[in-house]
C-alpha atoms as a PDB file:
ATOM      1  CA  MET A   1       7.177  12.559   7.856  1.00  0.00           C
ATOM      2  CA  ILE A   2       6.717   9.661   5.372  1.00  0.00           C
ATOM      3  CA  LEU A   3       3.874   7.273   5.249  1.00  0.00           C
ATOM      4  CA  VAL A   4       5.195   3.605   4.957  1.00  0.00           C
ATOM      5  CA  SER A   5       3.368   0.349   4.558  1.00  0.00           C
ATOM      6  CA  ALA A   6       3.404  -1.275   7.840  1.00  0.00           C
ATOM      7  CA  CYS A   7       4.329  -4.750   6.512  1.00  0.00           C
ATOM      8  CA  LEU A   8       7.546  -2.982   5.013  1.00  0.00           C
ATOM      9  CA  LEU A   9       8.826  -2.224   8.837  1.00  0.00           C
ATOM     10  CA  ASN A  10       7.610  -6.110   9.360  1.00  0.00           C
ATOM     11  CA  HIS A  11       4.553  -5.519  11.171  1.00  0.00           C
ATOM     12  CA  PRO A  12       2.342  -8.632  10.926  1.00  0.00           C
ATOM     13  CA  VAL A  13      -0.236  -7.137   8.559  1.00  0.00           C
ATOM     14  CA  ARG A  14      -0.175  -9.060   5.351  1.00  0.00           C
ATOM     15  CA  TYR A  15      -2.786 -11.153   4.406  1.00  0.00           C
ATOM     16  CA  LYS A  16      -0.877 -14.359   5.525  1.00  0.00           C
ATOM     17  CA  GLY A  17      -0.508 -12.441   8.844  1.00  0.00           C
ATOM     18  CA  ASP A  18       3.337 -11.941   8.746  1.00  0.00           C
ATOM     19  CA  GLY A  19       5.234  -8.933   7.691  1.00  0.00           C
ATOM     20  CA  ASN A  20       7.366  -8.264   4.576  1.00  0.00           C
ATOM     21  CA  PRO A  21      10.243  -6.290   5.905  1.00  0.00           C
ATOM     22  CA  CYS A  22      12.616  -4.021   3.818  1.00  0.00           C
ATOM     23  CA  PRO A  23      16.347  -3.989   4.847  1.00  0.00           C
ATOM     24  CA  LEU A  24      16.672  -0.279   4.300  1.00  0.00           C
ATOM     25  CA  LEU A  25      13.643   1.227   6.240  1.00  0.00           C
ATOM     26  CA  LEU A  26      14.557  -1.393   9.263  1.00  0.00           C
ATOM     27  CA  GLU A  27      18.100   0.232   9.167  1.00  0.00           C
ATOM     28  CA  LEU A  28      16.759   3.775   9.411  1.00  0.00           C
ATOM     29  CA  LEU A  29      14.380   2.624  12.421  1.00  0.00           C
ATOM     30  CA  ALA A  30      17.346   0.867  14.133  1.00  0.00           C
ATOM     31  CA  LYS A  31      19.451   4.217  13.277  1.00  0.00           C
ATOM     32  CA  GLY A  32      16.897   5.903  15.422  1.00  0.00           C
ATOM     33  CA  LYS A  33      14.851   7.738  12.577  1.00  0.00           C
ATOM     34  CA  GLY A  34      11.517   6.184  13.750  1.00  0.00           C
ATOM     35  CA  GLU A  35       9.833   9.340  14.548  1.00  0.00           C
ATOM     36  CA  GLU A  36      10.135  10.392  10.780  1.00  0.00           C
ATOM     37  CA  ILE A  37       8.152   7.206   9.675  1.00  0.00           C
ATOM     38  CA  PHE A  38       4.382   6.884  10.029  1.00  0.00           C
ATOM     39  CA  PRO A  39       3.489   2.956   9.408  1.00  0.00           C
ATOM     40  CA  PHE A  40      -0.006   2.309   8.152  1.00  0.00           C
ATOM     41  CA  CYS A  41      -1.655  -0.782   6.491  1.00  0.00           C
ATOM     42  CA  PRO A  42      -4.475  -0.001   4.409  1.00  0.00           C
ATOM     43  CA  GLU A  43      -6.349  -3.211   4.294  1.00  0.00           C
ATOM     44  CA  VAL A  44      -6.103  -3.495   7.927  1.00  0.00           C
ATOM     45  CA  SER A  45      -7.421   0.070   8.580  1.00  0.00           C
ATOM     46  CA  GLY A  46     -10.207  -0.590   6.176  1.00  0.00           C
ATOM     47  CA  GLY A  47     -11.564  -3.478   8.501  1.00  0.00           C
ATOM     48  CA  LEU A  48     -10.139  -6.684   6.882  1.00  0.00           C
ATOM     49  CA  PRO A  49      -8.690  -9.107   9.378  1.00  0.00           C
ATOM     50  CA  THR A  50      -5.293 -10.758   9.697  1.00  0.00           C
ATOM     51  CA  PRO A  51      -4.645 -13.238   8.364  1.00  0.00           C
ATOM     52  CA  ARG A  52      -7.026 -12.922   5.416  1.00  0.00           C
ATOM     53  CA  PRO A  53      -7.715 -14.523   1.861  1.00  0.00           C
ATOM     54  CA  PRO A  54      -5.602 -12.744  -0.546  1.00  0.00           C
ATOM     55  CA  ALA A  55      -7.260 -10.348  -3.109  1.00  0.00           C
ATOM     56  CA  GLU A  56      -6.547  -8.591  -6.508  1.00  0.00           C
ATOM     57  CA  ILE A  57      -8.055  -6.274  -8.664  1.00  0.00           C
ATOM     58  CA  LYS A  58     -10.418  -7.768 -11.300  1.00  0.00           C
ATOM     59  CA  GLY A  59     -10.848  -5.395 -14.372  1.00  0.00           C
ATOM     60  CA  GLY A  60      -8.484  -2.712 -14.092  1.00  0.00           C
ATOM     61  CA  THR A  61      -6.173  -1.065 -11.585  1.00  0.00           C
ATOM     62  CA  GLY A  62      -6.582   1.128  -8.331  1.00  0.00           C
ATOM     63  CA  ALA A  63      -7.827   4.049 -10.322  1.00  0.00           C
ATOM     64  CA  ASP A  64     -10.815   2.083 -12.034  1.00  0.00           C
ATOM     65  CA  VAL A  65     -11.435   0.932  -8.660  1.00  0.00           C
ATOM     66  CA  LEU A  66     -11.987   4.359  -7.183  1.00  0.00           C
ATOM     67  CA  GLN A  67     -14.093   5.205 -10.317  1.00  0.00           C
ATOM     68  CA  LEU A  68     -16.167   2.125  -9.573  1.00  0.00           C
ATOM     69  CA  LYS A  69     -15.018   0.405 -13.124  1.00  0.00           C
ATOM     70  CA  ALA A  70     -13.150  -2.218 -11.415  1.00  0.00           C
ATOM     71  CA  LYS A  71     -13.719  -4.554  -8.138  1.00  0.00           C
ATOM     72  CA  VAL A  72     -11.273  -5.900  -5.621  1.00  0.00           C
ATOM     73  CA  VAL A  73     -12.035  -9.573  -5.011  1.00  0.00           C
ATOM     74  CA  ASN A  74     -10.664 -11.876  -2.831  1.00  0.00           C
ATOM     75  CA  LYS A  75      -9.584 -15.543  -3.689  1.00  0.00           C
ATOM     76  CA  GLU A  76     -12.634 -16.970  -2.223  1.00  0.00           C
ATOM     77  CA  GLY A  77     -14.656 -14.591  -4.796  1.00  0.00           C
ATOM     78  CA  GLN A  78     -15.943 -11.953  -2.038  1.00  0.00           C
ATOM     79  CA  ASP A  79     -15.989  -8.735  -3.289  1.00  0.00           C
ATOM     80  CA  VAL A  80     -13.840  -6.550  -1.039  1.00  0.00           C
ATOM     81  CA  THR A  81     -13.831  -3.110  -2.910  1.00  0.00           C
ATOM     82  CA  ALA A  82     -15.536  -1.267  -0.272  1.00  0.00           C
ATOM     83  CA  ALA A  83     -13.264  -1.900   2.328  1.00  0.00           C
ATOM     84  CA  PHE A  84     -10.225  -1.121   0.110  1.00  0.00           C
ATOM     85  CA  ILE A  85     -11.881   2.181  -1.128  1.00  0.00           C
ATOM     86  CA  ASN A  86     -12.494   3.041   2.615  1.00  0.00           C
ATOM     87  CA  SER A  87      -8.693   2.212   3.544  1.00  0.00           C
ATOM     88  CA  ALA A  88      -7.718   4.275   0.765  1.00  0.00           C
ATOM     89  CA  GLN A  89      -9.833   7.285   1.978  1.00  0.00           C
ATOM     90  CA  LYS A  90      -8.537   6.821   5.471  1.00  0.00           C
ATOM     91  CA  CYS A  91      -5.017   6.960   4.701  1.00  0.00           C
ATOM     92  CA  ALA A  92      -5.581  10.159   2.094  1.00  0.00           C
ATOM     93  CA  GLN A  93      -7.505  11.793   5.108  1.00  0.00           C
ATOM     94  CA  LEU A  94      -4.389  10.551   7.629  1.00  0.00           C
ATOM     95  CA  CYS A  95      -1.917  12.174   5.362  1.00  0.00           C
ATOM     96  CA  MET A  96      -3.700  15.545   4.767  1.00  0.00           C
ATOM     97  CA  GLU A  97      -4.201  15.910   8.609  1.00  0.00           C
ATOM     98  CA  LYS A  98      -0.399  14.871   9.343  1.00  0.00           C
ATOM     99  CA  GLY A  99       1.146  16.946   6.212  1.00  0.00           C
ATOM    100  CA  ILE A 100       2.605  13.496   4.684  1.00  0.00           C
ATOM    101  CA  THR A 101       3.583  14.230   1.056  1.00  0.00           C
ATOM    102  CA  VAL A 102       5.672  10.906   0.674  1.00  0.00           C
ATOM    103  CA  ALA A 103       4.481   7.754   0.941  1.00  0.00           C
ATOM    104  CA  ILE A 104       6.670   4.108   0.476  1.00  0.00           C
ATOM    105  CA  LEU A 105       4.369   1.561  -0.236  1.00  0.00           C
ATOM    106  CA  LYS A 106       4.451  -2.333  -0.939  1.00  0.00           C
ATOM    107  CA  GLN A 107       4.880  -2.848  -4.521  1.00  0.00           C
ATOM    108  CA  ARG A 108       2.242  -5.353  -6.460  1.00  0.00           C
ATOM    109  CA  SER A 109      -0.451  -5.033  -3.604  1.00  0.00           C
ATOM    110  CA  PRO A 110      -3.863  -4.274  -4.584  1.00  0.00           C
ATOM    111  CA  SER A 111      -3.951  -1.340  -1.951  1.00  0.00           C
ATOM    112  CA  CYS A 112      -0.262  -0.082  -2.011  1.00  0.00           C
ATOM    113  CA  GLY A 113       1.400  -1.027  -5.561  1.00  0.00           C
ATOM    114  CA  SER A 114       2.791   2.052  -6.780  1.00  0.00           C
ATOM    115  CA  LYS A 115       3.939   0.839 -10.230  1.00  0.00           C
ATOM    116  CA  ALA A 116       2.604  -2.745 -10.801  1.00  0.00           C
ATOM    117  CA  ILE A 117      -0.165  -5.022  -9.333  1.00  0.00           C
ATOM    118  CA  TYR A 118      -1.418  -8.672  -9.845  1.00  0.00           C
ATOM    119  CA  ASP A 119      -3.652  -9.083 -12.789  1.00  0.00           C
ATOM    120  CA  GLY A 120      -6.862 -10.264 -10.902  1.00  0.00           C
ATOM    121  CA  THR A 121      -6.571 -13.793 -11.920  1.00  0.00           C
ATOM    122  CA  PHE A 122      -4.432 -14.899  -8.894  1.00  0.00           C
ATOM    123  CA  SER A 123      -2.054 -16.533 -11.529  1.00  0.00           C
ATOM    124  CA  GLY A 124       0.997 -14.330 -10.383  1.00  0.00           C
ATOM    125  CA  LYS A 125       0.653 -12.519 -13.537  1.00  0.00           C
ATOM    126  CA  ILE A 126       2.005  -8.728 -12.982  1.00  0.00           C
ATOM    127  CA  ILE A 127       0.288  -5.625 -14.933  1.00  0.00           C
ATOM    128  CA  ALA A 128       1.256  -2.073 -15.015  1.00  0.00           C
ATOM    129  CA  GLY A 129      -0.947   0.150 -12.559  1.00  0.00           C
ATOM    130  CA  GLN A 130      -1.211   1.049  -8.930  1.00  0.00           C
ATOM    131  CA  GLY A 131      -3.227  -0.425  -6.116  1.00  0.00           C
ATOM    132  CA  VAL A 132      -6.445   1.783  -4.585  1.00  0.00           C
ATOM    133  CA  THR A 133      -4.675   3.652  -1.968  1.00  0.00           C
ATOM    134  CA  ALA A 134      -1.448   4.314  -4.047  1.00  0.00           C
ATOM    135  CA  ALA A 135      -4.020   5.568  -7.139  1.00  0.00           C
ATOM    136  CA  LEU A 136      -5.776   8.008  -4.375  1.00  0.00           C
ATOM    137  CA  LEU A 137      -2.719   9.388  -2.538  1.00  0.00           C
ATOM    138  CA  THR A 138      -1.115  10.214  -6.001  1.00  0.00           C
ATOM    139  CA  SER A 139      -4.158  11.950  -7.175  1.00  0.00           C
ATOM    140  CA  ILE A 140      -3.937  14.164  -4.238  1.00  0.00           C
ATOM    141  CA  GLY A 141      -0.357  15.040  -4.834  1.00  0.00           C
ATOM    142  CA  ILE A 142       1.569  12.561  -2.433  1.00  0.00           C
ATOM    143  CA  LYS A 143       4.670  11.135  -3.939  1.00  0.00           C
ATOM    144  CA  VAL A 144       4.394   7.138  -3.995  1.00  0.00           C
ATOM    145  CA  TYR A 145       7.370   4.979  -4.277  1.00  0.00           C
ATOM    146  CA  GLY A 146       7.382   1.398  -3.745  1.00  0.00           C
ATOM    147  CA  GLU A 147      10.111  -0.403  -1.859  1.00  0.00           C
ATOM    148  CA  ASP A 148      11.951  -1.554  -4.899  1.00  0.00           C
ATOM    149  CA  ASP A 149      12.603   2.295  -5.678  1.00  0.00           C
ATOM    150  CA  LEU A 150      14.328   2.786  -2.433  1.00  0.00           C
ATOM    151  CA  THR A 151      18.017   3.417  -2.341  1.00  0.00           C
ATOM    152  CA  PRO A 152      20.240   4.758   0.659  1.00  0.00           C
ATOM    153  CA  GLU A 153      20.526   8.215  -1.470  1.00  0.00           C
ATOM    154  CA  LEU A 154      16.754   8.315  -2.079  1.00  0.00           C
ATOM    155  CA  LEU A 155      15.661   7.926   1.780  1.00  0.00           C
ATOM    156  CA  GLU A 156      18.821  10.339   2.736  1.00  0.00           C
ATOM    157  CA  LYS A 157      16.857  12.868   0.492  1.00  0.00           C
ATOM    158  CA  LEU A 158      13.487  12.188   1.584  1.00  0.00           C
ATOM    159  CA  LEU A 159      14.091  12.329   5.347  1.00  0.00           C
END
């Protein structure tokens, strides 16, 4: 089983209240491979509403947030760090319970970014680093991919 950011499956869980569909993943669902995919939205599971103000990591990366060296702040200036940490922990627990060893997550998300995230200034600038959930999953040995890593060959290998 593979954990997949719910937004990539077009679930309306993004901060804007919409999905962000990944054609390759939707094609898998259409081919009847849905039982191998577990959709999950860390931000919603952490108690954040949909829609919600966008959030970014200020002062570091997801790993820094987990070490309480950085914060997740929404565009209105509210500190939402606790919700992001809580959701990452729920996701890690779920993966351990279900034996999930691979995750495909939404790139650049403050939760799910696997290689890149926004820099915390809400200016659109991208920096190298992982989101909070991606960092925690990586730290416990789960292989994390972003949707931009996907190819039909990789998906075949993972499934």
